[in-house]
Amino acid sequence: MNHAIFPLPPIDDPAHIRTLGEHISAGTEIRARCLNTGCNHNVALNLVVIARYLGPNHGALAADLKPYFYCPACRAAGFADGQIAFFHHASTAPRSILCEVVEDDLYHRTAA
């Protein structure tokens, strides 16, 4: 049985995705990256956890997310830790729904 953690908004135009809920609905990912010279620490954000904390209608633009993130490596080293950039891109997780569909298709096409 599928359960919705919170209601996800419909996506009318993928070019105008602005909220965390819309990113989850569209299946896109957001990565946070430290811009300090020599650091380049980056991480994929768990949008479901962030949306449960901030709400699915919270903005997903850099200005909306920046107050909630810092670079732990730079903070531990005593450097400025607020130089964070956010990158929005299509899901590349190895177990995404798209990968399962492609693998199933390839499995059924084999001649074994």
PDB file of N, CA and C in Angstrom:
ATOM      1  N   MET A   1       0.846  -1.174   0.000  1.00  0.00           N
ATOM      2  CA  MET A   1       0.000   0.000   0.000  1.00  0.00           C
ATOM      3  C   MET A   1       0.891   1.235   0.000  1.00  0.00           C
ATOM      4  N   ASN A   2       0.659   2.139  -0.927  1.00  0.00           N
ATOM      5  CA  ASN A   2       1.438   3.366  -1.008  1.00  0.00           C
ATOM      6  C   ASN A   2       0.858   4.425  -0.081  1.00  0.00           C
ATOM      7  N   HIS A   3       1.739   5.075   0.663  1.00  0.00           N
ATOM      8  CA  HIS A   3       1.332   6.143   1.563  1.00  0.00           C
ATOM      9  C   HIS A   3       2.026   7.417   1.142  1.00  0.00           C
ATOM     10  N   ALA A   4       1.295   8.495   1.111  1.00  0.00           N
ATOM     11  CA  ALA A   4       1.900   9.787   0.816  1.00  0.00           C
ATOM     12  C   ALA A   4       2.362  10.408   2.129  1.00  0.00           C
ATOM     13  N   ILE A   5       3.612  10.796   2.184  1.00  0.00           N
ATOM     14  CA  ILE A   5       4.134  11.451   3.376  1.00  0.00           C
ATOM     15  C   ILE A   5       3.484  12.817   3.522  1.00  0.00           C
ATOM     16  N   PHE A   6       3.369  13.514   2.426  1.00  0.00           N
ATOM     17  CA  PHE A   6       2.662  14.778   2.342  1.00  0.00           C
ATOM     18  C   PHE A   6       2.180  14.908   0.911  1.00  0.00           C
ATOM     19  N   PRO A   7       1.117  15.661   0.673  1.00  0.00           N
ATOM     20  CA  PRO A   7       0.616  15.764  -0.705  1.00  0.00           C
ATOM     21  C   PRO A   7       1.626  16.485  -1.597  1.00  0.00           C
ATOM     22  N   LEU A   8       1.869  15.913  -2.764  1.00  0.00           N
ATOM     23  CA  LEU A   8       2.803  16.508  -3.709  1.00  0.00           C
ATOM     24  C   LEU A   8       2.033  17.286  -4.769  1.00  0.00           C
ATOM     25  N   PRO A   9       2.534  18.450  -5.129  1.00  0.00           N
ATOM     26  CA  PRO A   9       1.824  19.270  -6.113  1.00  0.00           C
ATOM     27  C   PRO A   9       1.990  18.714  -7.524  1.00  0.00           C
ATOM     28  N   PRO A  10       1.011  18.953  -8.384  1.00  0.00           N
ATOM     29  CA  PRO A  10       1.179  18.541  -9.784  1.00  0.00           C
ATOM     30  C   PRO A  10       2.189  19.455 -10.476  1.00  0.00           C
ATOM     31  N   ILE A  11       2.864  18.928 -11.484  1.00  0.00           N
ATOM     32  CA  ILE A  11       3.857  19.695 -12.232  1.00  0.00           C
ATOM     33  C   ILE A  11       3.245  20.083 -13.572  1.00  0.00           C
ATOM     34  N   ASP A  12       2.969  21.372 -13.757  1.00  0.00           N
ATOM     35  CA  ASP A  12       2.420  21.850 -15.017  1.00  0.00           C
ATOM     36  C   ASP A  12       3.517  22.065 -16.051  1.00  0.00           C
ATOM     37  N   ASP A  13       4.612  22.675 -15.630  1.00  0.00           N
ATOM     38  CA  ASP A  13       5.713  22.976 -16.535  1.00  0.00           C
ATOM     39  C   ASP A  13       7.029  22.686 -15.814  1.00  0.00           C
ATOM     40  N   PRO A  14       7.798  21.693 -16.251  1.00  0.00           N
ATOM     41  CA  PRO A  14       9.051  21.351 -15.561  1.00  0.00           C
ATOM     42  C   PRO A  14      10.065  22.489 -15.529  1.00  0.00           C
ATOM     43  N   ALA A  15       9.923  23.460 -16.407  1.00  0.00           N
ATOM     44  CA  ALA A  15      10.854  24.589 -16.414  1.00  0.00           C
ATOM     45  C   ALA A  15      10.567  25.575 -15.294  1.00  0.00           C
ATOM     46  N   HIS A  16       9.415  25.462 -14.638  1.00  0.00           N
ATOM     47  CA  HIS A  16       9.042  26.409 -13.589  1.00  0.00           C
ATOM     48  C   HIS A  16       8.910  25.730 -12.224  1.00  0.00           C
ATOM     49  N   ILE A  17       9.792  24.798 -11.935  1.00  0.00           N
ATOM     50  CA  ILE A  17       9.789  24.136 -10.631  1.00  0.00           C
ATOM     51  C   ILE A  17      10.455  25.070  -9.630  1.00  0.00           C
ATOM     52  N   ARG A  18       9.743  25.394  -8.563  1.00  0.00           N
ATOM     53  CA  ARG A  18      10.266  26.368  -7.596  1.00  0.00           C
ATOM     54  C   ARG A  18      10.260  25.886  -6.149  1.00  0.00           C
ATOM     55  N   THR A  19       9.508  24.840  -5.821  1.00  0.00           N
ATOM     56  CA  THR A  19       9.402  24.411  -4.425  1.00  0.00           C
ATOM     57  C   THR A  19       9.994  23.022  -4.232  1.00  0.00           C
ATOM     58  N   LEU A  20      10.227  22.662  -2.976  1.00  0.00           N
ATOM     59  CA  LEU A  20      10.753  21.336  -2.657  1.00  0.00           C
ATOM     60  C   LEU A  20       9.788  20.242  -3.096  1.00  0.00           C
ATOM     61  N   GLY A  21       8.490  20.439  -2.861  1.00  0.00           N
ATOM     62  CA  GLY A  21       7.491  19.460  -3.257  1.00  0.00           C
ATOM     63  C   GLY A  21       7.467  19.248  -4.762  1.00  0.00           C
ATOM     64  N   GLU A  22       7.633  20.310  -5.515  1.00  0.00           N
ATOM     65  CA  GLU A  22       7.666  20.185  -6.974  1.00  0.00           C
ATOM     66  C   GLU A  22       8.904  19.420  -7.434  1.00  0.00           C
ATOM     67  N   HIS A  23      10.034  19.625  -6.772  1.00  0.00           N
ATOM     68  CA  HIS A  23      11.247  18.865  -7.115  1.00  0.00           C
ATOM     69  C   HIS A  23      11.056  17.382  -6.824  1.00  0.00           C
ATOM     70  N   ILE A  24      10.411  17.060  -5.722  1.00  0.00           N
ATOM     71  CA  ILE A  24      10.156  15.658  -5.399  1.00  0.00           C
ATOM     72  C   ILE A  24       9.199  15.058  -6.418  1.00  0.00           C
ATOM     73  N   SER A  25       8.146  15.787  -6.771  1.00  0.00           N
ATOM     74  CA  SER A  25       7.179  15.297  -7.763  1.00  0.00           C
ATOM     75  C   SER A  25       7.830  15.066  -9.116  1.00  0.00           C
ATOM     76  N   ALA A  26       8.721  15.961  -9.508  1.00  0.00           N
ATOM     77  CA  ALA A  26       9.375  15.848 -10.814  1.00  0.00           C
ATOM     78  C   ALA A  26      10.503  14.822 -10.809  1.00  0.00           C
ATOM     79  N   GLY A  27      10.962  14.407  -9.634  1.00  0.00           N
ATOM     80  CA  GLY A  27      12.048  13.435  -9.549  1.00  0.00           C
ATOM     81  C   GLY A  27      13.417  14.043  -9.768  1.00  0.00           C
ATOM     82  N   THR A  28      13.553  15.330  -9.538  1.00  0.00           N
ATOM     83  CA  THR A  28      14.856  15.968  -9.694  1.00  0.00           C
ATOM     84  C   THR A  28      15.604  15.952  -8.375  1.00  0.00           C
ATOM     85  N   GLU A  29      16.908  16.152  -8.454  1.00  0.00           N
ATOM     86  CA  GLU A  29      17.764  16.178  -7.273  1.00  0.00           C
ATOM     87  C   GLU A  29      18.373  17.559  -7.110  1.00  0.00           C
ATOM     88  N   ILE A  30      18.788  17.853  -5.892  1.00  0.00           N
ATOM     89  CA  ILE A  30      19.518  19.087  -5.600  1.00  0.00           C
ATOM     90  C   ILE A  30      20.794  18.681  -4.880  1.00  0.00           C
ATOM     91  N   ARG A  31      21.923  19.192  -5.345  1.00  0.00           N
ATOM     92  CA  ARG A  31      23.206  18.968  -4.692  1.00  0.00           C
ATOM     93  C   ARG A  31      23.692  20.283  -4.113  1.00  0.00           C
ATOM     94  N   ALA A  32      24.253  20.233  -2.913  1.00  0.00           N
ATOM     95  CA  ALA A  32      24.875  21.388  -2.283  1.00  0.00           C
ATOM     96  C   ALA A  32      26.381  21.218  -2.398  1.00  0.00           C
ATOM     97  N   ARG A  33      27.068  22.302  -2.773  1.00  0.00           N
ATOM     98  CA  ARG A  33      28.524  22.236  -2.967  1.00  0.00           C
ATOM     99  C   ARG A  33      29.176  23.441  -2.321  1.00  0.00           C
ATOM    100  N   CYS A  34      30.267  23.187  -1.593  1.00  0.00           N
ATOM    101  CA  CYS A  34      31.039  24.256  -0.981  1.00  0.00           C
ATOM    102  C   CYS A  34      31.916  24.905  -2.051  1.00  0.00           C
ATOM    103  N   LEU A  35      31.924  26.223  -2.083  1.00  0.00           N
ATOM    104  CA  LEU A  35      32.678  26.953  -3.096  1.00  0.00           C
ATOM    105  C   LEU A  35      34.030  27.448  -2.603  1.00  0.00           C
ATOM    106  N   ASN A  36      34.402  27.106  -1.373  1.00  0.00           N
ATOM    107  CA  ASN A  36      35.709  27.526  -0.874  1.00  0.00           C
ATOM    108  C   ASN A  36      36.826  26.863  -1.676  1.00  0.00           C
ATOM    109  N   THR A  37      37.884  27.624  -1.921  1.00  0.00           N
ATOM    110  CA  THR A  37      39.018  27.118  -2.688  1.00  0.00           C
ATOM    111  C   THR A  37      39.620  25.900  -2.003  1.00  0.00           C
ATOM    112  N   GLY A  38      39.750  24.807  -2.745  1.00  0.00           N
ATOM    113  CA  GLY A  38      40.352  23.591  -2.223  1.00  0.00           C
ATOM    114  C   GLY A  38      39.397  22.676  -1.493  1.00  0.00           C
ATOM    115  N   CYS A  39      38.188  23.088  -1.232  1.00  0.00           N
ATOM    116  CA  CYS A  39      37.263  22.245  -0.480  1.00  0.00           C
ATOM    117  C   CYS A  39      36.406  21.401  -1.426  1.00  0.00           C
ATOM    118  N   ASN A  40      35.540  22.044  -2.160  1.00  0.00           N
ATOM    119  CA  ASN A  40      34.638  21.373  -3.103  1.00  0.00           C
ATOM    120  C   ASN A  40      33.838  20.231  -2.482  1.00  0.00           C
ATOM    121  N   HIS A  41      33.585  20.287  -1.181  1.00  0.00           N
ATOM    122  CA  HIS A  41      32.744  19.285  -0.527  1.00  0.00           C
ATOM    123  C   HIS A  41      31.347  19.399  -1.120  1.00  0.00           C
ATOM    124  N   ASN A  42      30.765  18.271  -1.546  1.00  0.00           N
ATOM    125  CA  ASN A  42      29.413  18.324  -2.091  1.00  0.00           C
ATOM    126  C   ASN A  42      28.626  17.111  -1.647  1.00  0.00           C
ATOM    127  N   VAL A  43      27.308  17.281  -1.608  1.00  0.00           N
ATOM    128  CA  VAL A  43      26.429  16.228  -1.121  1.00  0.00           C
ATOM    129  C   VAL A  43      25.075  16.355  -1.814  1.00  0.00           C
ATOM    130  N   ALA A  44      24.464  15.214  -2.104  1.00  0.00           N
ATOM    131  CA  ALA A  44      23.096  15.207  -2.619  1.00  0.00           C
ATOM    132  C   ALA A  44      22.156  15.393  -1.437  1.00  0.00           C
ATOM    133  N   LEU A  45      21.190  16.275  -1.579  1.00  0.00           N
ATOM    134  CA  LEU A  45      20.255  16.561  -0.498  1.00  0.00           C
ATOM    135  C   LEU A  45      19.109  15.558  -0.519  1.00  0.00           C
ATOM    136  N   ASN A  46      18.701  15.111   0.650  1.00  0.00           N
ATOM    137  CA  ASN A  46      17.532  14.253   0.770  1.00  0.00           C
ATOM    138  C   ASN A  46      16.321  15.175   0.827  1.00  0.00           C
ATOM    139  N   LEU A  47      15.676  15.365  -0.311  1.00  0.00           N
ATOM    140  CA  LEU A  47      14.599  16.341  -0.403  1.00  0.00           C
ATOM    141  C   LEU A  47      13.383  15.978   0.425  1.00  0.00           C
ATOM    142  N   VAL A  48      13.127  14.695   0.626  1.00  0.00           N
ATOM    143  CA  VAL A  48      11.973  14.285   1.421  1.00  0.00           C
ATOM    144  C   VAL A  48      12.162  14.715   2.871  1.00  0.00           C
ATOM    145  N   VAL A  49      13.340  14.491   3.414  1.00  0.00           N
ATOM    146  CA  VAL A  49      13.609  14.885   4.803  1.00  0.00           C
ATOM    147  C   VAL A  49      13.560  16.407   4.939  1.00  0.00           C
ATOM    148  N   ILE A  50      14.139  17.115   3.989  1.00  0.00           N
ATOM    149  CA  ILE A  50      14.138  18.579   4.041  1.00  0.00           C
ATOM    150  C   ILE A  50      12.719  19.107   3.912  1.00  0.00           C
ATOM    151  N   ALA A  51      11.917  18.501   3.031  1.00  0.00           N
ATOM    152  CA  ALA A  51      10.527  18.943   2.866  1.00  0.00           C
ATOM    153  C   ALA A  51       9.686  18.636   4.097  1.00  0.00           C
ATOM    154  N   ARG A  52       9.996  17.563   4.801  1.00  0.00           N
ATOM    155  CA  ARG A  52       9.271  17.296   6.047  1.00  0.00           C
ATOM    156  C   ARG A  52       9.619  18.327   7.111  1.00  0.00           C
ATOM    157  N   TYR A  53      10.843  18.816   7.088  1.00  0.00           N
ATOM    158  CA  TYR A  53      11.295  19.812   8.062  1.00  0.00           C
ATOM    159  C   TYR A  53      10.795  21.212   7.704  1.00  0.00           C
ATOM    160  N   LEU A  54      10.973  21.616   6.437  1.00  0.00           N
ATOM    161  CA  LEU A  54      10.635  22.969   6.009  1.00  0.00           C
ATOM    162  C   LEU A  54       9.243  23.083   5.404  1.00  0.00           C
ATOM    163  N   GLY A  55       8.684  21.975   4.946  1.00  0.00           N
ATOM    164  CA  GLY A  55       7.387  21.980   4.285  1.00  0.00           C
ATOM    165  C   GLY A  55       7.560  21.849   2.780  1.00  0.00           C
ATOM    166  N   PRO A  56       6.648  21.135   2.117  1.00  0.00           N
ATOM    167  CA  PRO A  56       6.787  20.923   0.673  1.00  0.00           C
ATOM    168  C   PRO A  56       6.590  22.192  -0.152  1.00  0.00           C
ATOM    169  N   ASN A  57       6.005  23.222   0.418  1.00  0.00           N
ATOM    170  CA  ASN A  57       5.806  24.476  -0.315  1.00  0.00           C
ATOM    171  C   ASN A  57       6.944  25.467  -0.122  1.00  0.00           C
ATOM    172  N   HIS A  58       7.990  25.056   0.604  1.00  0.00           N
ATOM    173  CA  HIS A  58       9.150  25.923   0.812  1.00  0.00           C
ATOM    174  C   HIS A  58       9.912  26.046  -0.499  1.00  0.00           C
ATOM    175  N   GLY A  59      10.450  27.204  -0.766  1.00  0.00           N
ATOM    176  CA  GLY A  59      11.198  27.448  -1.992  1.00  0.00           C
ATOM    177  C   GLY A  59      12.454  26.585  -2.074  1.00  0.00           C
ATOM    178  N   ALA A  60      12.838  26.244  -3.300  1.00  0.00           N
ATOM    179  CA  ALA A  60      14.018  25.402  -3.520  1.00  0.00           C
ATOM    180  C   ALA A  60      15.126  26.154  -4.244  1.00  0.00           C
ATOM    181  N   LEU A  61      14.993  27.447  -4.361  1.00  0.00           N
ATOM    182  CA  LEU A  61      16.047  28.241  -4.976  1.00  0.00           C
ATOM    183  C   LEU A  61      17.182  28.426  -3.974  1.00  0.00           C
ATOM    184  N   ALA A  62      18.340  28.818  -4.459  1.00  0.00           N
ATOM    185  CA  ALA A  62      19.523  28.962  -3.592  1.00  0.00           C
ATOM    186  C   ALA A  62      19.264  29.930  -2.441  1.00  0.00           C
ATOM    187  N   ALA A  63      18.598  31.030  -2.713  1.00  0.00           N
ATOM    188  CA  ALA A  63      18.326  32.012  -1.660  1.00  0.00           C
ATOM    189  C   ALA A  63      17.409  31.439  -0.578  1.00  0.00           C
ATOM    190  N   ASP A  64      16.540  30.512  -0.946  1.00  0.00           N
ATOM    191  CA  ASP A  64      15.617  29.904   0.017  1.00  0.00           C
ATOM    192  C   ASP A  64      16.309  28.851   0.878  1.00  0.00           C
ATOM    193  N   LEU A  65      17.277  28.137   0.316  1.00  0.00           N
ATOM    194  CA  LEU A  65      17.924  27.031   1.029  1.00  0.00           C
ATOM    195  C   LEU A  65      19.196  27.424   1.773  1.00  0.00           C
ATOM    196  N   LYS A  66      19.864  28.466   1.319  1.00  0.00           N
ATOM    197  CA  LYS A  66      21.172  28.831   1.864  1.00  0.00           C
ATOM    198  C   LYS A  66      21.190  29.035   3.384  1.00  0.00           C
ATOM    199  N   PRO A  67      20.165  29.631   4.008  1.00  0.00           N
ATOM    200  CA  PRO A  67      20.232  29.815   5.470  1.00  0.00           C
ATOM    201  C   PRO A  67      20.281  28.519   6.272  1.00  0.00           C
ATOM    202  N   TYR A  68      19.954  27.409   5.665  1.00  0.00           N
ATOM    203  CA  TYR A  68      19.880  26.144   6.391  1.00  0.00           C
ATOM    204  C   TYR A  68      21.095  25.252   6.204  1.00  0.00           C
ATOM    205  N   PHE A  69      22.065  25.657   5.386  1.00  0.00           N
ATOM    206  CA  PHE A  69      23.190  24.788   5.067  1.00  0.00           C
ATOM    207  C   PHE A  69      24.524  25.473   5.315  1.00  0.00           C
ATOM    208  N   TYR A  70      25.524  24.649   5.645  1.00  0.00           N
ATOM    209  CA  TYR A  70      26.909  25.100   5.804  1.00  0.00           C
ATOM    210  C   TYR A  70      27.808  23.932   5.442  1.00  0.00           C
ATOM    211  N   CYS A  71      29.079  24.212   5.262  1.00  0.00           N
ATOM    212  CA  CYS A  71      30.052  23.157   4.951  1.00  0.00           C
ATOM    213  C   CYS A  71      30.669  22.670   6.269  1.00  0.00           C
ATOM    214  N   PRO A  72      30.415  21.422   6.647  1.00  0.00           N
ATOM    215  CA  PRO A  72      30.971  20.931   7.913  1.00  0.00           C
ATOM    216  C   PRO A  72      32.495  20.825   7.891  1.00  0.00           C
ATOM    217  N   ALA A  73      33.084  20.534   6.736  1.00  0.00           N
ATOM    218  CA  ALA A  73      34.547  20.424   6.654  1.00  0.00           C
ATOM    219  C   ALA A  73      35.195  21.787   6.877  1.00  0.00           C
ATOM    220  N   CYS A  74      34.653  22.825   6.255  1.00  0.00           N
ATOM    221  CA  CYS A  74      35.211  24.168   6.424  1.00  0.00           C
ATOM    222  C   CYS A  74      34.949  24.708   7.825  1.00  0.00           C
ATOM    223  N   ARG A  75      33.795  24.394   8.380  1.00  0.00           N
ATOM    224  CA  ARG A  75      33.484  24.850   9.737  1.00  0.00           C
ATOM    225  C   ARG A  75      34.440  24.210  10.739  1.00  0.00           C
ATOM    226  N   ALA A  76      34.731  22.920  10.568  1.00  0.00           N
ATOM    227  CA  ALA A  76      35.644  22.237  11.475  1.00  0.00           C
ATOM    228  C   ALA A  76      37.069  22.768  11.347  1.00  0.00           C
ATOM    229  N   ALA A  77      37.451  23.220  10.140  1.00  0.00           N
ATOM    230  CA  ALA A  77      38.790  23.757   9.917  1.00  0.00           C
ATOM    231  C   ALA A  77      38.893  25.231  10.292  1.00  0.00           C
ATOM    232  N   GLY A  78      37.772  25.866  10.631  1.00  0.00           N
ATOM    233  CA  GLY A  78      37.779  27.263  11.023  1.00  0.00           C
ATOM    234  C   GLY A  78      37.663  28.240   9.870  1.00  0.00           C
ATOM    235  N   PHE A  79      37.325  27.764   8.678  1.00  0.00           N
ATOM    236  CA  PHE A  79      37.148  28.637   7.517  1.00  0.00           C
ATOM    237  C   PHE A  79      35.705  29.123   7.433  1.00  0.00           C
ATOM    238  N   ALA A  80      35.471  30.084   6.538  1.00  0.00           N
ATOM    239  CA  ALA A  80      34.111  30.539   6.276  1.00  0.00           C
ATOM    240  C   ALA A  80      33.324  29.356   5.711  1.00  0.00           C
ATOM    241  N   ASP A  81      32.157  29.104   6.280  1.00  0.00           N
ATOM    242  CA  ASP A  81      31.427  27.902   5.887  1.00  0.00           C
ATOM    243  C   ASP A  81      30.113  28.198   5.169  1.00  0.00           C
ATOM    244  N   GLY A  82      29.878  29.433   4.764  1.00  0.00           N
ATOM    245  CA  GLY A  82      28.602  29.789   4.159  1.00  0.00           C
ATOM    246  C   GLY A  82      28.616  29.932   2.651  1.00  0.00           C
ATOM    247  N   GLN A  83      29.719  29.576   2.020  1.00  0.00           N
ATOM    248  CA  GLN A  83      29.782  29.717   0.558  1.00  0.00           C
ATOM    249  C   GLN A  83      29.283  28.431  -0.094  1.00  0.00           C
ATOM    250  N   ILE A  84      27.963  28.288  -0.134  1.00  0.00           N
ATOM    251  CA  ILE A  84      27.332  27.080  -0.646  1.00  0.00           C
ATOM    252  C   ILE A  84      26.576  27.409  -1.932  1.00  0.00           C
ATOM    253  N   ALA A  85      26.725  26.560  -2.934  1.00  0.00           N
ATOM    254  CA  ALA A  85      25.962  26.673  -4.180  1.00  0.00           C
ATOM    255  C   ALA A  85      25.063  25.452  -4.291  1.00  0.00           C
ATOM    256  N   PHE A  86      23.931  25.602  -4.944  1.00  0.00           N
ATOM    257  CA  PHE A  86      22.966  24.513  -5.119  1.00  0.00           C
ATOM    258  C   PHE A  86      22.792  24.235  -6.604  1.00  0.00           C
ATOM    259  N   PHE A  87      22.853  22.947  -6.951  1.00  0.00           N
ATOM    260  CA  PHE A  87      22.722  22.533  -8.340  1.00  0.00           C
ATOM    261  C   PHE A  87      21.505  21.629  -8.469  1.00  0.00           C
ATOM    262  N   HIS A  88      20.634  21.965  -9.384  1.00  0.00           N
ATOM    263  CA  HIS A  88      19.414  21.207  -9.630  1.00  0.00           C
ATOM    264  C   HIS A  88      19.627  20.380 -10.896  1.00  0.00           C
ATOM    265  N   HIS A  89      19.342  19.081 -10.832  1.00  0.00           N
ATOM    266  CA  HIS A  89      19.534  18.238 -12.009  1.00  0.00           C
ATOM    267  C   HIS A  89      18.618  17.026 -11.944  1.00  0.00           C
ATOM    268  N   ALA A  90      18.518  16.328 -13.055  1.00  0.00           N
ATOM    269  CA  ALA A  90      17.700  15.113 -13.116  1.00  0.00           C
ATOM    270  C   ALA A  90      18.300  14.044 -12.216  1.00  0.00           C
ATOM    271  N   SER A  91      17.471  13.161 -11.735  1.00  0.00           N
ATOM    272  CA  SER A  91      17.908  12.099 -10.835  1.00  0.00           C
ATOM    273  C   SER A  91      18.891  11.166 -11.533  1.00  0.00           C
ATOM    274  N   THR A  92      19.993  10.897 -10.859  1.00  0.00           N
ATOM    275  CA  THR A  92      21.001   9.972 -11.381  1.00  0.00           C
ATOM    276  C   THR A  92      21.260   8.831 -10.416  1.00  0.00           C
ATOM    277  N   ALA A  93      20.364   8.629  -9.469  1.00  0.00           N
ATOM    278  CA  ALA A  93      20.536   7.564  -8.490  1.00  0.00           C
ATOM    279  C   ALA A  93      20.540   6.213  -9.196  1.00  0.00           C
ATOM    280  N   PRO A  94      21.400   5.299  -8.787  1.00  0.00           N
ATOM    281  CA  PRO A  94      21.479   4.015  -9.481  1.00  0.00           C
ATOM    282  C   PRO A  94      20.203   3.184  -9.361  1.00  0.00           C
ATOM    283  N   ARG A  95      19.360   3.468  -8.394  1.00  0.00           N
ATOM    284  CA  ARG A  95      18.137   2.700  -8.226  1.00  0.00           C
ATOM    285  C   ARG A  95      16.903   3.556  -8.482  1.00  0.00           C
ATOM    286  N   SER A  96      16.997   4.496  -9.373  1.00  0.00           N
ATOM    287  CA  SER A  96      15.831   5.305  -9.696  1.00  0.00           C
ATOM    288  C   SER A  96      14.838   4.468 -10.489  1.00  0.00           C
ATOM    289  N   ILE A  97      13.614   4.920 -10.589  1.00  0.00           N
ATOM    290  CA  ILE A  97      12.575   4.198 -11.319  1.00  0.00           C
ATOM    291  C   ILE A  97      12.977   4.022 -12.774  1.00  0.00           C
ATOM    292  N   LEU A  98      13.573   5.039 -13.366  1.00  0.00           N
ATOM    293  CA  LEU A  98      13.974   4.961 -14.767  1.00  0.00           C
ATOM    294  C   LEU A  98      14.998   3.857 -14.972  1.00  0.00           C
ATOM    295  N   CYS A  99      15.965   3.720 -14.072  1.00  0.00           N
ATOM    296  CA  CYS A  99      16.976   2.671 -14.205  1.00  0.00           C
ATOM    297  C   CYS A  99      16.342   1.292 -14.112  1.00  0.00           C
ATOM    298  N   GLU A 100      15.356   1.106 -13.229  1.00  0.00           N
ATOM    299  CA  GLU A 100      14.695  -0.185 -13.107  1.00  0.00           C
ATOM    300  C   GLU A 100      13.941  -0.536 -14.382  1.00  0.00           C
ATOM    301  N   VAL A 101      13.307   0.442 -15.012  1.00  0.00           N
ATOM    302  CA  VAL A 101      12.580   0.199 -16.256  1.00  0.00           C
ATOM    303  C   VAL A 101      13.557  -0.203 -17.350  1.00  0.00           C
ATOM    304  N   VAL A 102      14.673   0.496 -17.470  1.00  0.00           N
ATOM    305  CA  VAL A 102      15.670   0.177 -18.493  1.00  0.00           C
ATOM    306  C   VAL A 102      16.264  -1.199 -18.248  1.00  0.00           C
ATOM    307  N   GLU A 103      16.589  -1.527 -16.996  1.00  0.00           N
ATOM    308  CA  GLU A 103      17.159  -2.839 -16.691  1.00  0.00           C
ATOM    309  C   GLU A 103      16.165  -3.953 -16.992  1.00  0.00           C
ATOM    310  N   ASP A 104      14.883  -3.766 -16.661  1.00  0.00           N
ATOM    311  CA  ASP A 104      13.870  -4.764 -16.971  1.00  0.00           C
ATOM    312  C   ASP A 104      13.751  -4.960 -18.473  1.00  0.00           C
ATOM    313  N   ASP A 105      13.796  -3.854 -19.219  1.00  0.00           N
ATOM    314  CA  ASP A 105      13.698  -3.917 -20.663  1.00  0.00           C
ATOM    315  C   ASP A 105      14.882  -4.687 -21.239  1.00  0.00           C
ATOM    316  N   LEU A 106      16.085  -4.418 -20.738  1.00  0.00           N
ATOM    317  CA  LEU A 106      17.271  -5.129 -21.205  1.00  0.00           C
ATOM    318  C   LEU A 106      17.219  -6.602 -20.803  1.00  0.00           C
ATOM    319  N   TYR A 107      16.721  -6.894 -19.615  1.00  0.00           N
ATOM    320  CA  TYR A 107      16.622  -8.272 -19.150  1.00  0.00           C
ATOM    321  C   TYR A 107      15.705  -9.083 -20.048  1.00  0.00           C
ATOM    322  N   HIS A 108      14.579  -8.500 -20.455  1.00  0.00           N
ATOM    323  CA  HIS A 108      13.629  -9.227 -21.289  1.00  0.00           C
ATOM    324  C   HIS A 108      14.087  -9.350 -22.739  1.00  0.00           C
ATOM    325  N   ARG A 109      15.064  -8.555 -23.163  1.00  0.00           N
ATOM    326  CA  ARG A 109      15.553  -8.629 -24.523  1.00  0.00           C
ATOM    327  C   ARG A 109      16.705  -9.608 -24.696  1.00  0.00           C
ATOM    328  N   THR A 110      17.286 -10.084 -23.622  1.00  0.00           N
ATOM    329  CA  THR A 110      18.422 -10.980 -23.750  1.00  0.00           C
ATOM    330  C   THR A 110      17.984 -12.319 -24.310  1.00  0.00           C
ATOM    331  N   ALA A 111      18.881 -12.994 -24.979  1.00  0.00           N
ATOM    332  CA  ALA A 111      18.545 -14.271 -25.635  1.00  0.00           C
ATOM    333  C   ALA A 111      18.976 -15.464 -24.803  1.00  0.00           C
ATOM    334  N   ALA A 112      19.158 -15.296 -23.526  1.00  0.00           N
ATOM    335  CA  ALA A 112      19.640 -16.401 -22.683  1.00  0.00           C
ATOM    336  C   ALA A 112      18.541 -17.360 -22.337  1.00  0.00           C
TER     337      ALA A 112
END
